[in-house]
Amino acid sequence: MASDAPIGIFDSGLGGLSVTASIRRLMPAENILFFGDSAHAPYGTKTAEQVRQRCFTIVDDLLAQGAKAIVIACNTATSVCATALRERYSVPIIGMEPALKLACDMGRGRPQRVIVAATPLTLQEQKFADLMARFQADHTIWKQPCPDLVTIVESGHLSQHQVVNAALERYFKHYDLGQIDSIVLGCTHFIFYRNYFQDFCPPQVAIVDGNAGTARQVHNMLSETDMLNSSGKEGHLQVSNSDPSTQIQERSYELLDYMSSVSRYAGLSEAEQSES
C-alpha cells in the first residue's frame, strides 16, 4: 500500500473530530478519511453487539476507500470491539482508552484522587475494569457516566453555557472537587468541554485526555512500518457522516475550526507538555 494512502478515523459521532485535529497537528502531510456515525449516536447507551455491528460496517467502508490504518476515535467503540476489529482486519487498528495512567502518573508516586468521565458503556466494559484494576490499589478512582455531554455536542448546543453548566453541575455536584487531583475526559466528545471543565473546577484540578497520546501512537506506528506520507504537501481531509444533513456537516467543520484555533498544547496535560 502506498504511503500516501489515507488514515481512516471513525467515531460514534462528532467527538472523533478532536482526535482528527490532534493527528493533523502532528502529521499535517497525512491524508485523512473521517467518518462520524451521528445517525446512530450515542454508542455509550447502546448494547455491545449493536456497537460491534456498526464498527464492522464502518471499517469495511473505510478500507474500501483505501485506508492504510484505522483509528477508533471513540473510547466506547475501542472498549467494545478493538480486539474483534484487529482479529478481522490486517491493517493496523489504533484504539483509545481513558487516560487513567497519565492521570495517576501525574502524582509522581503520590496517591491521586481521579474522576473518570466517560459514557456508560465505556465504564461498564471489561476493558475499563481491567484498566482501573491496575491503579485502584494505590489511587482513589471514581467512575462518572456523562451521556448528556455527548448529546449536547451532537445537537449543536456546545455554545449554550447554561445548558452545559447545568449538565456539569448535575454530574459533578456530589464530589468535593477541592479534594480532586484530576478529571479524565474519557470520551472524545468531552474534549470540546475542556474550557468548561477548567472554569467549573478549582484551579488545582488537572483536566486530562488521551488525544495527544493517540496521535503520537499513530505517528510511531506509521513510522515503524515506513508508511508516513513523505510527499511534503499538506494532506487532504474528507469528512463524512451517516447523518447527511447540512447541519451536521456545518457542525463538523465548526468543531474542526474550534480545535484548530486553540493552543498547540490544547488537550495536553502538564505531564504531556513536558514530553513534547
Protein backbone atom coordinates (compact mmCIF):
# COMPACT_ATOMS: atom_id res chain seq x y z
CA MET A 1 0.00 0.00 0.00
CA ALA A 2 1.29 3.48 -0.87
CA SER A 3 2.41 5.74 1.96
CA ASP A 4 0.08 8.49 0.72
CA ALA A 5 -2.95 6.27 1.32
CA PRO A 6 -5.31 7.85 3.86
CA ILE A 7 -5.71 7.17 7.55
CA GLY A 8 -9.28 6.14 8.33
CA ILE A 9 -10.71 7.66 11.53
CA PHE A 10 -14.17 6.98 12.88
CA ASP A 11 -16.31 7.81 15.88
CA SER A 12 -19.84 7.35 17.11
CA GLY A 13 -20.43 10.95 16.07
CA LEU A 14 -18.55 14.23 16.11
CA GLY A 15 -16.25 13.66 19.08
CA GLY A 16 -13.59 11.98 16.96
CA LEU A 17 -13.01 15.29 15.19
CA SER A 18 -11.00 16.28 18.27
CA VAL A 19 -8.70 13.29 17.63
CA THR A 20 -8.57 14.14 13.94
CA ALA A 21 -7.37 17.65 14.81
CA SER A 22 -4.62 16.23 17.04
CA ILE A 23 -3.45 13.87 14.30
CA ARG A 24 -3.45 16.63 11.68
CA ARG A 25 -1.48 18.89 14.01
CA LEU A 26 1.20 16.25 14.49
CA MET A 27 1.18 14.86 10.93
CA PRO A 28 -0.01 17.59 8.54
CA ALA A 29 1.02 15.65 5.42
CA GLU A 30 -1.29 12.72 6.12
CA ASN A 31 -4.48 12.27 4.10
CA ILE A 32 -7.43 11.52 6.37
CA LEU A 33 -10.88 10.00 5.92
CA PHE A 34 -13.06 10.87 8.91
CA PHE A 35 -16.43 9.19 9.39
CA GLY A 36 -18.85 10.21 12.12
CA ASP A 37 -21.78 7.93 12.89
CA SER A 38 -24.09 10.63 14.21
CA ALA A 39 -27.19 8.91 12.82
CA HIS A 40 -26.53 6.13 15.34
CA ALA A 41 -25.12 8.22 18.21
CA PRO A 42 -24.64 7.85 21.07
CA TYR A 43 -22.85 4.49 21.25
CA GLY A 44 -22.49 4.74 25.01
CA THR A 45 -26.12 3.82 25.69
CA LYS A 46 -26.35 1.01 23.09
CA THR A 47 -25.68 -2.70 23.52
CA ALA A 48 -22.19 -4.02 22.84
CA GLU A 49 -23.49 -6.04 19.87
CA GLN A 50 -25.10 -3.00 18.27
CA VAL A 51 -21.81 -1.11 18.54
CA ARG A 52 -19.81 -4.03 17.11
CA GLN A 53 -22.03 -4.28 14.03
CA ARG A 54 -21.75 -0.55 13.35
CA CYS A 55 -17.95 -0.70 13.70
CA PHE A 56 -17.64 -3.60 11.24
CA THR A 57 -19.76 -1.75 8.69
CA ILE A 58 -17.78 1.48 9.05
CA VAL A 59 -14.34 -0.15 8.87
CA ASP A 60 -15.40 -2.17 5.81
CA ASP A 61 -16.26 1.10 4.08
CA LEU A 62 -13.06 2.93 5.13
CA LEU A 63 -10.93 0.04 3.87
CA ALA A 64 -12.87 0.02 0.60
CA GLN A 65 -11.76 3.65 0.22
CA GLY A 66 -8.12 2.61 0.62
CA ALA A 67 -7.35 3.38 4.28
CA LYS A 68 -3.87 2.22 5.32
CA ALA A 69 -4.69 2.28 9.04
CA ILE A 70 -7.78 2.69 11.20
CA VAL A 71 -8.10 4.92 14.25
CA ILE A 72 -11.03 4.17 16.54
CA ALA A 73 -11.53 7.73 17.80
CA CYS A 74 -14.07 6.54 20.33
CA ASN A 75 -13.40 5.12 23.77
CA THR A 76 -16.69 3.22 23.74
CA ALA A 77 -16.05 1.53 20.39
CA THR A 78 -12.50 0.69 21.45
CA SER A 79 -13.75 -0.92 24.66
CA VAL A 80 -16.35 -2.98 22.84
CA CYS A 81 -14.67 -4.13 19.65
CA ALA A 82 -10.99 -3.19 19.21
CA THR A 83 -9.96 -6.83 19.69
CA ALA A 84 -12.57 -8.09 17.23
CA LEU A 85 -11.51 -5.50 14.65
CA ARG A 86 -7.85 -6.50 14.95
CA GLU A 87 -8.79 -10.15 14.50
CA ARG A 88 -10.90 -9.38 11.43
CA TYR A 89 -8.65 -6.93 9.53
CA SER A 90 -4.98 -6.98 8.57
CA VAL A 91 -4.35 -3.20 8.66
CA PRO A 92 -3.15 -1.54 11.88
CA ILE A 93 -6.00 -0.68 14.25
CA ILE A 94 -5.31 2.05 16.83
CA GLY A 95 -7.83 2.44 19.63
CA MET A 96 -8.28 4.70 22.63
CA GLU A 97 -8.82 4.26 26.33
CA PRO A 98 -9.41 6.80 29.12
CA ALA A 99 -6.06 8.36 30.08
CA LEU A 100 -6.18 6.99 33.62
CA LYS A 101 -2.49 6.02 33.66
CA LEU A 102 -1.49 9.54 32.70
CA ALA A 103 -3.67 11.00 35.46
CA CYS A 104 -2.23 8.67 38.10
CA ASP A 105 1.35 9.23 36.93
CA MET A 106 0.92 12.97 37.40
CA GLY A 107 1.23 12.38 41.15
CA ARG A 108 4.85 11.18 40.68
CA GLY A 109 4.35 8.43 43.22
CA ARG A 110 1.76 10.19 45.37
CA PRO A 111 -1.76 8.70 45.59
CA GLN A 112 -4.16 10.51 43.29
CA ARG A 113 -7.88 11.15 43.51
CA VAL A 114 -9.25 10.84 39.98
CA ILE A 115 -12.70 11.08 38.37
CA VAL A 116 -13.06 9.30 35.04
CA ALA A 117 -15.84 10.91 33.00
CA ALA A 118 -16.99 8.68 30.14
CA THR A 119 -20.02 7.07 28.54
CA PRO A 120 -21.96 4.42 30.48
CA LEU A 121 -20.87 1.61 28.13
CA THR A 122 -17.17 2.51 28.34
CA LEU A 123 -17.32 2.38 32.13
CA GLN A 124 -19.27 -0.91 32.12
CA GLU A 125 -16.95 -2.83 29.80
CA GLN A 126 -14.33 -5.29 30.99
CA LYS A 127 -11.59 -3.31 29.23
CA PHE A 128 -12.08 -0.38 31.56
CA ALA A 129 -12.44 -2.67 34.58
CA ASP A 130 -9.04 -4.15 33.74
CA LEU A 131 -7.54 -0.68 33.32
CA MET A 132 -8.96 0.53 36.61
CA ALA A 133 -7.74 -2.58 38.43
CA ARG A 134 -4.14 -1.62 37.57
CA PHE A 135 -4.37 1.59 39.58
CA GLN A 136 -7.09 1.40 42.21
CA ALA A 137 -4.88 -0.18 44.87
CA ASP A 138 -2.77 2.98 45.01
CA HIS A 139 -5.24 5.63 43.91
CA THR A 140 -8.87 6.62 44.56
CA ILE A 141 -10.85 6.45 41.33
CA TRP A 142 -14.46 7.32 40.65
CA LYS A 143 -16.40 6.37 37.51
CA GLN A 144 -18.76 9.09 36.31
CA PRO A 145 -21.01 8.42 33.30
CA CYS A 146 -21.94 11.63 31.45
CA PRO A 147 -24.16 10.66 28.50
CA ASP A 148 -25.69 14.12 28.10
CA LEU A 149 -22.28 15.59 27.24
CA VAL A 150 -22.33 13.53 24.05
CA THR A 151 -25.87 14.65 23.20
CA ILE A 152 -25.06 18.33 23.71
CA VAL A 153 -22.23 18.21 21.15
CA GLU A 154 -24.25 16.21 18.64
CA SER A 155 -27.24 18.54 18.93
CA GLY A 156 -25.15 21.69 18.41
CA HIS A 157 -25.67 23.14 21.89
CA LEU A 158 -22.00 23.27 22.93
CA SER A 159 -22.03 27.09 22.96
CA GLN A 160 -25.06 27.25 25.27
CA HIS A 161 -23.27 27.87 28.55
CA GLN A 162 -26.36 27.46 30.70
CA VAL A 163 -27.10 24.02 29.22
CA VAL A 164 -23.51 22.83 29.58
CA ASN A 165 -23.02 24.13 33.10
CA ALA A 166 -26.31 22.58 34.20
CA ALA A 167 -25.09 19.21 32.93
CA LEU A 168 -21.73 19.56 34.69
CA GLU A 169 -23.48 20.53 37.90
CA ARG A 170 -25.78 17.53 37.63
CA TYR A 171 -22.91 15.08 37.14
CA PHE A 172 -20.30 16.53 39.50
CA LYS A 173 -22.13 18.34 42.28
CA HIS A 174 -21.80 15.38 44.68
CA TYR A 175 -17.97 15.45 44.51
CA ASP A 176 -15.78 17.64 46.70
CA LEU A 177 -13.81 18.98 43.76
CA GLY A 178 -11.44 20.77 46.11
CA GLN A 179 -10.11 17.31 47.05
CA ILE A 180 -9.81 16.00 43.47
CA ASP A 181 -6.48 15.88 41.63
CA SER A 182 -7.73 15.30 38.09
CA ILE A 183 -10.68 14.59 35.85
CA VAL A 184 -10.07 12.27 32.91
CA LEU A 185 -12.07 13.10 29.80
CA GLY A 186 -12.72 9.51 28.75
CA CYS A 187 -14.81 10.30 25.67
CA THR A 188 -13.60 12.19 22.63
CA HIS A 189 -16.75 14.33 22.66
CA PHE A 190 -15.71 15.64 26.07
CA ILE A 191 -12.53 17.28 24.72
CA PHE A 192 -14.68 20.11 23.41
CA TYR A 193 -15.66 20.87 27.02
CA ARG A 194 -12.10 21.45 28.25
CA ASN A 195 -12.64 25.18 28.88
CA TYR A 196 -15.93 24.47 30.63
CA PHE A 197 -14.27 21.93 32.93
CA GLN A 198 -11.43 24.33 33.69
CA ASP A 199 -13.89 27.07 34.65
CA PHE A 200 -16.08 24.66 36.62
CA CYS A 201 -13.30 23.06 38.67
CA PRO A 202 -10.86 24.54 41.20
CA PRO A 203 -7.54 25.51 39.59
CA GLN A 204 -5.59 22.58 41.04
CA VAL A 205 -7.76 20.01 39.21
CA ALA A 206 -5.96 18.79 36.08
CA ILE A 207 -8.15 18.08 33.05
CA VAL A 208 -6.61 15.08 31.27
CA ASP A 209 -7.33 13.40 27.94
CA GLY A 210 -5.61 10.91 25.65
CA ASN A 211 -5.81 12.64 22.27
CA ALA A 212 -2.17 13.73 22.08
CA GLY A 213 -1.02 10.28 23.11
CA THR A 214 -3.20 8.68 20.45
CA ALA A 215 -1.75 10.98 17.78
CA ARG A 216 1.78 10.02 18.84
CA GLN A 217 0.85 6.35 18.75
CA VAL A 218 -0.42 6.70 15.17
CA HIS A 219 2.75 8.56 14.17
CA ASN A 220 5.01 5.92 15.74
CA MET A 221 3.10 3.07 14.12
CA LEU A 222 3.30 4.63 10.66
CA SER A 223 6.96 5.48 11.15
CA GLU A 224 7.87 1.95 12.23
CA THR A 225 6.16 0.49 9.15
CA ASP A 226 7.60 3.13 6.79
CA MET A 227 4.09 4.34 5.98
CA LEU A 228 4.35 8.03 6.88
CA ASN A 229 3.36 10.25 3.97
CA SER A 230 6.60 11.78 2.74
CA SER A 231 5.10 13.94 -0.03
CA GLY A 232 5.87 17.16 1.82
CA LYS A 233 2.44 18.51 0.86
CA GLU A 234 -0.43 19.28 3.18
CA GLY A 235 -2.73 16.28 3.38
CA HIS A 236 -6.39 16.21 2.39
CA LEU A 237 -9.19 15.78 4.90
CA GLN A 238 -12.50 14.21 3.88
CA VAL A 239 -15.30 14.44 6.43
CA SER A 240 -18.40 12.28 6.04
CA ASN A 241 -21.22 11.26 8.34
CA SER A 242 -24.07 8.78 8.47
CA ASP A 243 -26.31 11.79 9.12
CA PRO A 244 -26.27 13.56 5.72
CA SER A 245 -27.87 16.78 6.96
CA THR A 246 -26.34 20.16 6.24
CA GLN A 247 -26.40 20.92 9.97
CA ILE A 248 -24.10 18.01 10.78
CA GLN A 249 -21.66 18.95 8.01
CA GLU A 250 -21.55 22.55 9.19
CA ARG A 251 -21.19 21.44 12.81
CA SER A 252 -18.31 19.15 11.86
CA TYR A 253 -16.28 21.95 10.32
CA GLU A 254 -17.15 24.33 13.15
CA LEU A 255 -15.69 21.83 15.63
CA LEU A 256 -12.59 21.35 13.49
CA ASP A 257 -12.13 25.12 13.28
CA TYR A 258 -12.51 25.32 17.05
CA MET A 259 -9.82 22.69 17.59
CA SER A 260 -7.54 24.40 15.08
CA SER A 261 -7.88 27.73 16.87
CA VAL A 262 -6.78 26.53 20.28
CA SER A 263 -3.20 26.45 21.56
CA ARG A 264 -0.67 23.93 20.27
CA TYR A 265 -0.84 22.38 23.72
CA ALA A 266 -4.64 22.19 23.94
CA GLY A 267 -5.56 18.74 25.16
CA LEU A 268 -2.17 18.07 26.75
CA SER A 269 -1.66 17.80 30.46
CA GLU A 270 1.42 19.27 32.13
CA ALA A 271 2.98 15.80 32.04
CA GLU A 272 2.44 15.53 28.28
CA GLN A 273 3.72 19.06 27.66
CA SER A 274 6.96 18.21 29.41
CA GLU A 275 7.41 15.29 26.99
CA SER A 276 6.91 17.43 23.87
